[in-house]
């Protein structure tokens, strides 16, 4: 019973994080919201007893993708400032 409640709360939080990532006008805030989404999804994978998928989601989704987005944002802002 308690596990179902926790899963339901996390699923609602996933929807809120996704909507927040879409609704932000600042790209950096959207990337951070996407990272929160990935971490929450990794926690859900752990609760569903899929530790391999959880580890992959945490490393790739929250770590690597966020780092690539941040590098891309910094490069494009540096180019805009140079023009």
PDB file of N, CA and C in Angstrom:
ATOM      1  N   UNK A   1       0.826  -1.195   0.000  1.00  0.00           N
ATOM      2  CA  UNK A   1       0.000   0.000   0.000  1.00  0.00           C
ATOM      3  C   UNK A   1       0.869   1.257   0.000  1.00  0.00           C
ATOM      4  N   UNK A   2       1.864   1.290   0.894  1.00  0.00           N
ATOM      5  CA  UNK A   2       2.737   2.455   0.979  1.00  0.00           C
ATOM      6  C   UNK A   2       3.566   2.607  -0.292  1.00  0.00           C
ATOM      7  N   UNK A   3       4.010   1.474  -0.849  1.00  0.00           N
ATOM      8  CA  UNK A   3       4.806   1.525  -2.077  1.00  0.00           C
ATOM      9  C   UNK A   3       3.984   2.083  -3.236  1.00  0.00           C
ATOM     10  N   UNK A   4       2.706   1.718  -3.315  1.00  0.00           N
ATOM     11  CA  UNK A   4       1.840   2.248  -4.367  1.00  0.00           C
ATOM     12  C   UNK A   4       1.663   3.751  -4.228  1.00  0.00           C
ATOM     13  N   UNK A   5       1.572   4.235  -3.019  1.00  0.00           N
ATOM     14  CA  UNK A   5       1.435   5.667  -2.786  1.00  0.00           C
ATOM     15  C   UNK A   5       2.702   6.404  -3.196  1.00  0.00           C
ATOM     16  N   UNK A   6       3.848   5.840  -2.860  1.00  0.00           N
ATOM     17  CA  UNK A   6       5.127   6.474  -3.229  1.00  0.00           C
ATOM     18  C   UNK A   6       5.284   6.493  -4.741  1.00  0.00           C
ATOM     19  N   UNK A   7       4.947   5.400  -5.402  1.00  0.00           N
ATOM     20  CA  UNK A   7       5.047   5.343  -6.859  1.00  0.00           C
ATOM     21  C   UNK A   7       4.102   6.359  -7.492  1.00  0.00           C
ATOM     22  N   UNK A   8       2.900   6.476  -6.971  1.00  0.00           N
ATOM     23  CA  UNK A   8       1.938   7.445  -7.503  1.00  0.00           C
ATOM     24  C   UNK A   8       2.450   8.875  -7.350  1.00  0.00           C
ATOM     25  N   UNK A   9       3.029   9.177  -6.209  1.00  0.00           N
ATOM     26  CA  UNK A   9       3.572  10.516  -5.984  1.00  0.00           C
ATOM     27  C   UNK A   9       4.726  10.788  -6.941  1.00  0.00           C
ATOM     28  N   UNK A  10       5.593   9.801  -7.134  1.00  0.00           N
ATOM     29  CA  UNK A  10       6.716   9.981  -8.054  1.00  0.00           C
ATOM     30  C   UNK A  10       6.250  10.119  -9.504  1.00  0.00           C
ATOM     31  N   UNK A  11       5.213   9.410  -9.887  1.00  0.00           N
ATOM     32  CA  UNK A  11       4.680   9.543 -11.244  1.00  0.00           C
ATOM     33  C   UNK A  11       4.093  10.931 -11.473  1.00  0.00           C
ATOM     34  N   UNK A  12       3.397  11.455 -10.480  1.00  0.00           N
ATOM     35  CA  UNK A  12       2.877  12.823 -10.591  1.00  0.00           C
ATOM     36  C   UNK A  12       4.039  13.809 -10.664  1.00  0.00           C
ATOM     37  N   UNK A  13       5.084  13.571  -9.874  1.00  0.00           N
ATOM     38  CA  UNK A  13       6.258  14.436  -9.894  1.00  0.00           C
ATOM     39  C   UNK A  13       6.943  14.390 -11.257  1.00  0.00           C
ATOM     40  N   UNK A  14       6.945  13.215 -11.917  1.00  0.00           N
ATOM     41  CA  UNK A  14       7.499  13.119 -13.269  1.00  0.00           C
ATOM     42  C   UNK A  14       6.751  14.010 -14.245  1.00  0.00           C
ATOM     43  N   UNK A  15       5.439  13.978 -14.176  1.00  0.00           N
ATOM     44  CA  UNK A  15       4.631  14.802 -15.072  1.00  0.00           C
ATOM     45  C   UNK A  15       4.883  16.288 -14.795  1.00  0.00           C
ATOM     46  N   UNK A  16       4.980  16.652 -13.524  1.00  0.00           N
ATOM     47  CA  UNK A  16       5.247  18.046 -13.164  1.00  0.00           C
ATOM     48  C   UNK A  16       6.628  18.476 -13.643  1.00  0.00           C
ATOM     49  N   UNK A  17       7.632  17.622 -13.486  1.00  0.00           N
ATOM     50  CA  UNK A  17       8.985  17.953 -13.931  1.00  0.00           C
ATOM     51  C   UNK A  17       9.038  18.106 -15.450  1.00  0.00           C
ATOM     52  N   UNK A  18       8.343  17.242 -16.169  1.00  0.00           N
ATOM     53  CA  UNK A  18       8.316  17.344 -17.622  1.00  0.00           C
ATOM     54  C   UNK A  18       7.612  18.624 -18.069  1.00  0.00           C
ATOM     55  N   UNK A  19       6.487  18.940 -17.446  1.00  0.00           N
ATOM     56  CA  UNK A  19       5.768  20.173 -17.794  1.00  0.00           C
ATOM     57  C   UNK A  19       6.599  21.407 -17.449  1.00  0.00           C
ATOM     58  N   UNK A  20       7.326  21.342 -16.350  1.00  0.00           N
ATOM     59  CA  UNK A  20       8.177  22.456 -15.954  1.00  0.00           C
ATOM     60  C   UNK A  20       9.314  22.637 -16.949  1.00  0.00           C
ATOM     61  N   UNK A  21       9.912  21.553 -17.393  1.00  0.00           N
ATOM     62  CA  UNK A  21      11.008  21.639 -18.366  1.00  0.00           C
ATOM     63  C   UNK A  21      10.528  22.266 -19.670  1.00  0.00           C
ATOM     64  N   UNK A  22       9.309  21.975 -20.046  1.00  0.00           N
ATOM     65  CA  UNK A  22       8.768  22.535 -21.282  1.00  0.00           C
ATOM     66  C   UNK A  22       8.387  23.999 -21.115  1.00  0.00           C
ATOM     67  N   UNK A  23       7.892  24.365 -19.949  1.00  0.00           N
ATOM     68  CA  UNK A  23       7.337  25.706 -19.768  1.00  0.00           C
ATOM     69  C   UNK A  23       8.368  26.791 -19.462  1.00  0.00           C
ATOM     70  N   UNK A  24       9.558  26.417 -19.015  1.00  0.00           N
ATOM     71  CA  UNK A  24      10.575  27.434 -18.727  1.00  0.00           C
ATOM     72  C   UNK A  24      11.011  28.129 -20.009  1.00  0.00           C
ATOM     73  N   UNK A  25      11.220  29.439 -19.930  1.00  0.00           N
ATOM     74  CA  UNK A  25      11.725  30.179 -21.076  1.00  0.00           C
ATOM     75  C   UNK A  25      13.248  30.224 -21.061  1.00  0.00           C
ATOM     76  N   UNK A  26      13.833  30.060 -19.890  1.00  0.00           N
ATOM     77  CA  UNK A  26      15.281  30.025 -19.764  1.00  0.00           C
ATOM     78  C   UNK A  26      15.757  28.596 -20.036  1.00  0.00           C
ATOM     79  N   UNK A  27      16.703  28.455 -20.957  1.00  0.00           N
ATOM     80  CA  UNK A  27      17.156  27.133 -21.364  1.00  0.00           C
ATOM     81  C   UNK A  27      17.872  26.413 -20.225  1.00  0.00           C
ATOM     82  N   UNK A  28      18.631  27.130 -19.433  1.00  0.00           N
ATOM     83  CA  UNK A  28      19.359  26.509 -18.328  1.00  0.00           C
ATOM     84  C   UNK A  28      18.393  25.903 -17.311  1.00  0.00           C
ATOM     85  N   UNK A  29      17.328  26.601 -17.003  1.00  0.00           N
ATOM     86  CA  UNK A  29      16.319  26.063 -16.085  1.00  0.00           C
ATOM     87  C   UNK A  29      15.647  24.817 -16.667  1.00  0.00           C
ATOM     88  N   UNK A  30      15.431  24.807 -17.961  1.00  0.00           N
ATOM     89  CA  UNK A  30      14.839  23.633 -18.605  1.00  0.00           C
ATOM     90  C   UNK A  30      15.761  22.425 -18.502  1.00  0.00           C
ATOM     91  N   UNK A  31      17.055  22.649 -18.667  1.00  0.00           N
ATOM     92  CA  UNK A  31      18.017  21.549 -18.552  1.00  0.00           C
ATOM     93  C   UNK A  31      18.028  21.001 -17.127  1.00  0.00           C
ATOM     94  N   UNK A  32      17.973  21.873 -16.149  1.00  0.00           N
ATOM     95  CA  UNK A  32      17.942  21.421 -14.757  1.00  0.00           C
ATOM     96  C   UNK A  32      16.658  20.644 -14.451  1.00  0.00           C
ATOM     97  N   UNK A  33      15.535  21.099 -14.984  1.00  0.00           N
ATOM     98  CA  UNK A  33      14.278  20.378 -14.789  1.00  0.00           C
ATOM     99  C   UNK A  33      14.320  19.014 -15.473  1.00  0.00           C
ATOM    100  N   UNK A  34      14.967  18.931 -16.621  1.00  0.00           N
ATOM    101  CA  UNK A  34      15.130  17.658 -17.296  1.00  0.00           C
ATOM    102  C   UNK A  34      16.008  16.705 -16.482  1.00  0.00           C
ATOM    103  N   UNK A  35      16.999  17.253 -15.812  1.00  0.00           N
ATOM    104  CA  UNK A  35      17.854  16.434 -14.952  1.00  0.00           C
ATOM    105  C   UNK A  35      17.065  15.893 -13.754  1.00  0.00           C
ATOM    106  N   UNK A  36      16.224  16.721 -13.181  1.00  0.00           N
ATOM    107  CA  UNK A  36      15.361  16.276 -12.077  1.00  0.00           C
ATOM    108  C   UNK A  36      14.423  15.168 -12.562  1.00  0.00           C
ATOM    109  N   UNK A  37      13.917  15.320 -13.769  1.00  0.00           N
ATOM    110  CA  UNK A  37      13.065  14.291 -14.367  1.00  0.00           C
ATOM    111  C   UNK A  37      13.821  12.963 -14.466  1.00  0.00           C
ATOM    112  N   UNK A  38      15.061  13.008 -14.933  1.00  0.00           N
ATOM    113  CA  UNK A  38      15.850  11.784 -15.107  1.00  0.00           C
ATOM    114  C   UNK A  38      16.167  11.119 -13.773  1.00  0.00           C
ATOM    115  N   UNK A  39      16.473  11.911 -12.771  1.00  0.00           N
ATOM    116  CA  UNK A  39      16.774  11.343 -11.455  1.00  0.00           C
ATOM    117  C   UNK A  39      15.523  10.695 -10.857  1.00  0.00           C
ATOM    118  N   UNK A  40      14.386  11.350 -11.010  1.00  0.00           N
ATOM    119  CA  UNK A  40      13.135  10.781 -10.512  1.00  0.00           C
ATOM    120  C   UNK A  40      12.802   9.483 -11.236  1.00  0.00           C
ATOM    121  N   UNK A  41      13.047   9.455 -12.535  1.00  0.00           N
ATOM    122  CA  UNK A  41      12.803   8.235 -13.297  1.00  0.00           C
ATOM    123  C   UNK A  41      13.735   7.112 -12.843  1.00  0.00           C
ATOM    124  N   UNK A  42      14.971   7.447 -12.512  1.00  0.00           N
ATOM    125  CA  UNK A  42      15.904   6.440 -12.000  1.00  0.00           C
ATOM    126  C   UNK A  42      15.416   5.867 -10.669  1.00  0.00           C
ATOM    127  N   UNK A  43      14.876   6.720  -9.816  1.00  0.00           N
ATOM    128  CA  UNK A  43      14.323   6.244  -8.543  1.00  0.00           C
ATOM    129  C   UNK A  43      13.139   5.305  -8.793  1.00  0.00           C
ATOM    130  N   UNK A  44      12.312   5.644  -9.761  1.00  0.00           N
ATOM    131  CA  UNK A  44      11.194   4.759 -10.095  1.00  0.00           C
ATOM    132  C   UNK A  44      11.681   3.413 -10.616  1.00  0.00           C
ATOM    133  N   UNK A  45      12.730   3.416 -11.408  1.00  0.00           N
ATOM    134  CA  UNK A  45      13.284   2.156 -11.886  1.00  0.00           C
ATOM    135  C   UNK A  45      13.772   1.296 -10.723  1.00  0.00           C
ATOM    136  N   UNK A  46      14.361   1.927  -9.719  1.00  0.00           N
ATOM    137  CA  UNK A  46      14.810   1.174  -8.540  1.00  0.00           C
ATOM    138  C   UNK A  46      13.610   0.580  -7.810  1.00  0.00           C
ATOM    139  N   UNK A  47      12.556   1.352  -7.673  1.00  0.00           N
ATOM    140  CA  UNK A  47      11.356   0.839  -6.997  1.00  0.00           C
ATOM    141  C   UNK A  47      10.715  -0.306  -7.774  1.00  0.00           C
ATOM    142  N   UNK A  48      10.833  -0.278  -9.092  1.00  0.00           N
ATOM    143  CA  UNK A  48      10.304  -1.361  -9.922  1.00  0.00           C
ATOM    144  C   UNK A  48      11.309  -2.496 -10.085  1.00  0.00           C
ATOM    145  N   UNK A  49      12.364  -2.481  -9.300  1.00  0.00           N
ATOM    146  CA  UNK A  49      13.385  -3.522  -9.249  1.00  0.00           C
ATOM    147  C   UNK A  49      14.089  -3.710 -10.592  1.00  0.00           C
ATOM    148  N   UNK A  50      14.493  -2.595 -11.185  1.00  0.00           N
ATOM    149  CA  UNK A  50      15.276  -2.612 -12.420  1.00  0.00           C
ATOM    150  C   UNK A  50      16.539  -1.779 -12.195  1.00  0.00           C
ATOM    151  N   UNK A  51      17.484  -2.301 -11.411  1.00  0.00           N
ATOM    152  CA  UNK A  51      18.657  -1.486 -11.059  1.00  0.00           C
ATOM    153  C   UNK A  51      19.557  -1.159 -12.249  1.00  0.00           C
ATOM    154  N   UNK A  52      19.619  -2.051 -13.248  1.00  0.00           N
ATOM    155  CA  UNK A  52      20.440  -1.758 -14.425  1.00  0.00           C
ATOM    156  C   UNK A  52      19.889  -0.563 -15.196  1.00  0.00           C
ATOM    157  N   UNK A  53      18.580  -0.546 -15.386  1.00  0.00           N
ATOM    158  CA  UNK A  53      17.956   0.583 -16.075  1.00  0.00           C
ATOM    159  C   UNK A  53      18.082   1.860 -15.252  1.00  0.00           C
ATOM    160  N   UNK A  54      17.985   1.733 -13.931  1.00  0.00           N
ATOM    161  CA  UNK A  54      18.124   2.893 -13.060  1.00  0.00           C
ATOM    162  C   UNK A  54      19.526   3.482 -13.146  1.00  0.00           C
ATOM    163  N   UNK A  55      20.530   2.610 -13.150  1.00  0.00           N
ATOM    164  CA  UNK A  55      21.912   3.074 -13.241  1.00  0.00           C
ATOM    165  C   UNK A  55      22.163   3.753 -14.585  1.00  0.00           C
ATOM    166  N   UNK A  56      21.664   3.158 -15.653  1.00  0.00           N
ATOM    167  CA  UNK A  56      21.842   3.750 -16.980  1.00  0.00           C
ATOM    168  C   UNK A  56      21.136   5.096 -17.080  1.00  0.00           C
ATOM    169  N   UNK A  57      19.945   5.189 -16.539  1.00  0.00           N
ATOM    170  CA  UNK A  57      19.201   6.453 -16.583  1.00  0.00           C
ATOM    171  C   UNK A  57      19.894   7.534 -15.771  1.00  0.00           C
ATOM    172  N   UNK A  58      20.418   7.160 -14.620  1.00  0.00           N
ATOM    173  CA  UNK A  58      21.097   8.145 -13.777  1.00  0.00           C
ATOM    174  C   UNK A  58      22.377   8.648 -14.443  1.00  0.00           C
ATOM    175  N   UNK A  59      23.143   7.732 -15.008  1.00  0.00           N
ATOM    176  CA  UNK A  59      24.424   8.126 -15.614  1.00  0.00           C
ATOM    177  C   UNK A  59      24.205   8.866 -16.925  1.00  0.00           C
ATOM    178  N   UNK A  60      23.402   8.303 -17.793  1.00  0.00           N
ATOM    179  CA  UNK A  60      23.221   8.903 -19.115  1.00  0.00           C
ATOM    180  C   UNK A  60      22.234  10.061 -19.060  1.00  0.00           C
ATOM    181  N   UNK A  61      21.066   9.827 -18.482  1.00  0.00           N
ATOM    182  CA  UNK A  61      20.023  10.853 -18.484  1.00  0.00           C
ATOM    183  C   UNK A  61      20.346  12.066 -17.652  1.00  0.00           C
ATOM    184  N   UNK A  62      20.744  11.840 -16.413  1.00  0.00           N
ATOM    185  CA  UNK A  62      20.994  12.967 -15.517  1.00  0.00           C
ATOM    186  C   UNK A  62      22.416  13.493 -15.641  1.00  0.00           C
ATOM    187  N   UNK A  63      23.362  12.620 -15.916  1.00  0.00           N
ATOM    188  CA  UNK A  63      24.755  13.043 -15.932  1.00  0.00           C
ATOM    189  C   UNK A  63      25.241  13.511 -17.284  1.00  0.00           C
ATOM    190  N   UNK A  64      25.305  12.594 -18.231  1.00  0.00           N
ATOM    191  CA  UNK A  64      25.905  12.880 -19.530  1.00  0.00           C
ATOM    192  C   UNK A  64      25.095  13.877 -20.348  1.00  0.00           C
ATOM    193  N   UNK A  65      23.792  13.684 -20.410  1.00  0.00           N
ATOM    194  CA  UNK A  65      22.961  14.581 -21.206  1.00  0.00           C
ATOM    195  C   UNK A  65      22.986  15.995 -20.628  1.00  0.00           C
ATOM    196  N   UNK A  66      22.922  16.099 -19.315  1.00  0.00           N
ATOM    197  CA  UNK A  66      22.974  17.429 -18.692  1.00  0.00           C
ATOM    198  C   UNK A  66      24.318  18.104 -18.982  1.00  0.00           C
ATOM    199  N   UNK A  67      25.408  17.352 -18.895  1.00  0.00           N
ATOM    200  CA  UNK A  67      26.726  17.925 -19.181  1.00  0.00           C
ATOM    201  C   UNK A  67      26.821  18.384 -20.633  1.00  0.00           C
ATOM    202  N   UNK A  68      26.314  17.576 -21.557  1.00  0.00           N
ATOM    203  CA  UNK A  68      26.347  17.969 -22.966  1.00  0.00           C
ATOM    204  C   UNK A  68      25.502  19.212 -23.227  1.00  0.00           C
ATOM    205  N   UNK A  69      24.330  19.274 -22.610  1.00  0.00           N
ATOM    206  CA  UNK A  69      23.493  20.462 -22.770  1.00  0.00           C
ATOM    207  C   UNK A  69      24.173  21.704 -22.207  1.00  0.00           C
ATOM    208  N   UNK A  70      24.807  21.572 -21.045  1.00  0.00           N
ATOM    209  CA  UNK A  70      25.474  22.728 -20.441  1.00  0.00           C
ATOM    210  C   UNK A  70      26.648  23.203 -21.291  1.00  0.00           C
ATOM    211  N   UNK A  71      27.413  22.277 -21.850  1.00  0.00           N
ATOM    212  CA  UNK A  71      28.519  22.664 -22.739  1.00  0.00           C
ATOM    213  C   UNK A  71      27.971  23.364 -23.983  1.00  0.00           C
ATOM    214  N   UNK A  72      26.902  22.828 -24.537  1.00  0.00           N
ATOM    215  CA  UNK A  72      26.297  23.431 -25.726  1.00  0.00           C
ATOM    216  C   UNK A  72      25.781  24.832 -25.435  1.00  0.00           C
ATOM    217  N   UNK A  73      25.127  25.001 -24.292  1.00  0.00           N
ATOM    218  CA  UNK A  73      24.618  26.320 -23.922  1.00  0.00           C
ATOM    219  C   UNK A  73      25.764  27.307 -23.749  1.00  0.00           C
ATOM    220  N   UNK A  74      26.831  26.887 -23.092  1.00  0.00           N
ATOM    221  CA  UNK A  74      27.955  27.805 -22.883  1.00  0.00           C
ATOM    222  C   UNK A  74      28.631  28.158 -24.201  1.00  0.00           C
ATOM    223  N   UNK A  75      28.737  27.211 -25.120  1.00  0.00           N
ATOM    224  CA  UNK A  75      29.355  27.495 -26.420  1.00  0.00           C
ATOM    225  C   UNK A  75      28.500  28.455 -27.246  1.00  0.00           C
ATOM    226  N   UNK A  76      27.189  28.267 -27.239  1.00  0.00           N
ATOM    227  CA  UNK A  76      26.329  29.145 -28.041  1.00  0.00           C
ATOM    228  C   UNK A  76      26.270  30.536 -27.432  1.00  0.00           C
ATOM    229  N   UNK A  77      26.296  30.640 -26.117  1.00  0.00           N
ATOM    230  CA  UNK A  77      26.299  31.974 -25.502  1.00  0.00           C
ATOM    231  C   UNK A  77      27.618  32.683 -25.750  1.00  0.00           C
ATOM    232  N   UNK A  78      28.718  31.944 -25.762  1.00  0.00           N
ATOM    233  CA  UNK A  78      30.028  32.552 -26.046  1.00  0.00           C
ATOM    234  C   UNK A  78      30.063  33.042 -27.491  1.00  0.00           C
ATOM    235  N   UNK A  79      29.452  32.306 -28.405  1.00  0.00           N
ATOM    236  CA  UNK A  79      29.393  32.742 -29.799  1.00  0.00           C
ATOM    237  C   UNK A  79      28.541  33.984 -29.956  1.00  0.00           C
ATOM    238  N   UNK A  80      27.410  34.052 -29.241  1.00  0.00           N
ATOM    239  CA  UNK A  80      26.538  35.225 -29.319  1.00  0.00           C
ATOM    240  C   UNK A  80      27.233  36.460 -28.773  1.00  0.00           C
ATOM    241  N   UNK A  81      27.999  36.314 -27.713  1.00  0.00           N
ATOM    242  CA  UNK A  81      28.701  37.450 -27.124  1.00  0.00           C
ATOM    243  C   UNK A  81      29.829  37.924 -28.017  1.00  0.00           C
ATOM    244  N   UNK A  82      30.427  37.014 -28.799  1.00  0.00           N
ATOM    245  CA  UNK A  82      31.543  37.387 -29.682  1.00  0.00           C
ATOM    246  C   UNK A  82      31.032  38.178 -30.888  1.00  0.00           C
ATOM    247  N   UNK A  83      29.773  37.942 -31.288  1.00  0.00           N
ATOM    248  CA  UNK A  83      29.241  38.654 -32.471  1.00  0.00           C
ATOM    249  C   UNK A  83      28.892  40.049 -32.196  1.00  0.00           C
TER     250      UNK A  83
END
